[in-house]
Protein backbone atom coordinates (compact mmCIF):
# COMPACT_ATOMS: atom_id res chain seq x y z
CA UNK A 1 0.00 0.00 0.00
CA UNK A 2 2.98 2.33 0.46
CA UNK A 3 3.59 2.38 -3.28
CA UNK A 4 0.13 3.81 -4.07
CA UNK A 5 1.04 7.45 -3.22
CA UNK A 6 4.25 7.06 -5.22
CA UNK A 7 2.33 5.83 -8.28
CA UNK A 8 -0.17 8.67 -8.00
CA UNK A 9 2.75 11.12 -7.82
CA UNK A 10 4.33 9.57 -10.92
CA UNK A 11 1.07 9.80 -12.87
CA UNK A 12 0.59 13.44 -11.91
CA UNK A 13 4.17 14.25 -12.89
CA UNK A 14 3.88 12.52 -16.26
CA UNK A 15 0.55 14.12 -17.07
CA UNK A 16 1.87 17.57 -16.16
CA UNK A 17 4.97 16.99 -18.29
CA UNK A 18 2.75 16.09 -21.25
CA UNK A 19 0.78 19.30 -20.80
CA UNK A 20 3.95 21.40 -20.76
CA UNK A 21 4.92 20.67 -24.36
CA UNK A 22 8.00 22.45 -25.57
CA UNK A 23 10.53 22.08 -28.37
CA UNK A 24 13.49 19.90 -27.48
CA UNK A 25 16.71 19.83 -29.49
CA UNK A 26 15.46 16.61 -31.10
CA UNK A 27 12.25 18.38 -32.16
CA UNK A 28 14.25 21.23 -33.70
CA UNK A 29 16.42 18.77 -35.63
CA UNK A 30 13.33 16.85 -36.78
CA UNK A 31 11.63 20.05 -38.01
CA UNK A 32 14.78 21.02 -39.94
CA UNK A 33 14.90 17.54 -41.47
CA UNK A 34 11.23 17.73 -42.49
CA UNK A 35 11.75 21.12 -44.15
CA UNK A 36 14.85 19.85 -45.95
CA UNK A 37 13.02 16.76 -47.22
CA UNK A 38 10.05 18.82 -48.39
CA UNK A 39 12.21 21.13 -50.52
CA UNK A 40 14.34 18.26 -51.87
CA UNK A 41 11.15 16.50 -53.00
CA UNK A 42 10.20 19.69 -54.85
CA UNK A 43 13.53 19.71 -56.76
CA UNK A 44 15.58 22.11 -54.63
CA UNK A 45 18.99 21.87 -53.00
CA UNK A 46 18.92 23.02 -49.39
CA UNK A 47 22.09 25.04 -48.88
CA UNK A 48 21.40 26.15 -45.31
CA UNK A 49 18.66 25.81 -42.74
CA UNK A 50 18.52 27.39 -39.32
CA UNK A 51 15.72 27.25 -36.74
CA UNK A 52 16.02 28.68 -33.25
CA UNK A 53 13.64 28.69 -30.30
CA UNK A 54 11.83 32.00 -29.79
CA UNK A 55 9.97 30.47 -26.88
CA UNK A 56 9.21 27.01 -25.55
CA UNK A 57 6.56 26.43 -28.21
CA UNK A 58 7.76 28.51 -31.18
CA UNK A 59 10.67 28.27 -33.60
CA UNK A 60 11.72 30.78 -36.22
CA UNK A 61 14.47 30.89 -38.79
CA UNK A 62 15.11 30.47 -42.49
CA UNK A 63 15.95 28.04 -45.26
CA UNK A 64 18.25 28.93 -48.14
CA UNK A 65 17.47 26.91 -51.29
CA UNK A 66 18.51 26.67 -54.93
CA UNK A 67 17.02 24.75 -57.86
CA UNK A 68 18.79 21.38 -58.07
CA UNK A 69 19.17 21.51 -61.85
CA UNK A 70 19.11 23.95 -64.73
CA UNK A 71 21.24 26.71 -66.15
CA UNK A 72 19.75 29.47 -64.04
CA UNK A 73 19.74 28.51 -60.37
CA UNK A 74 18.96 31.57 -58.28
CA UNK A 75 19.34 31.30 -54.54
CA UNK A 76 16.16 31.87 -52.54
CA UNK A 77 15.80 32.49 -48.83
CA UNK A 78 12.50 31.75 -47.14
CA UNK A 79 11.50 32.65 -43.59
CA UNK A 80 10.31 29.65 -41.60
CA UNK A 81 8.43 29.16 -38.37
CA UNK A 82 7.02 26.30 -36.31
CA UNK A 83 4.45 26.33 -33.54
CA UNK A 84 3.83 23.52 -31.07
CA UNK A 85 0.40 22.71 -29.68
CA UNK A 86 0.30 23.14 -25.93
CA UNK A 87 -1.72 20.00 -25.24
CA UNK A 88 -0.65 17.40 -27.79
CA UNK A 89 3.02 18.29 -28.31
CA UNK A 90 2.51 18.16 -32.08
CA UNK A 91 3.77 21.03 -34.20
CA UNK A 92 3.25 22.56 -37.62
CA UNK A 93 5.81 24.44 -39.66
CA UNK A 94 5.63 26.83 -42.57
CA UNK A 95 8.13 28.57 -44.82
CA UNK A 96 7.20 31.67 -46.84
């Protein structure tokens, strides 16, 4: 019976940790990888990508891309951002 309060404490801790969703370094790396893959699938070379945490649940940065083939390959820079849902821990990103 002594372990019951300990288990209740563990459950409360885990549920509060899930509610306090925030970007970890792994999340930042995963978002950068997703952006890179998206542009590569569209026929671009990703020359540089940088996302930094503005807050626990928001990233901002840029991606620098260039057409993978062709004679004229201008370099483009797009501003990117990602926002994490407070409850689920899932995030969406967008580059404009």
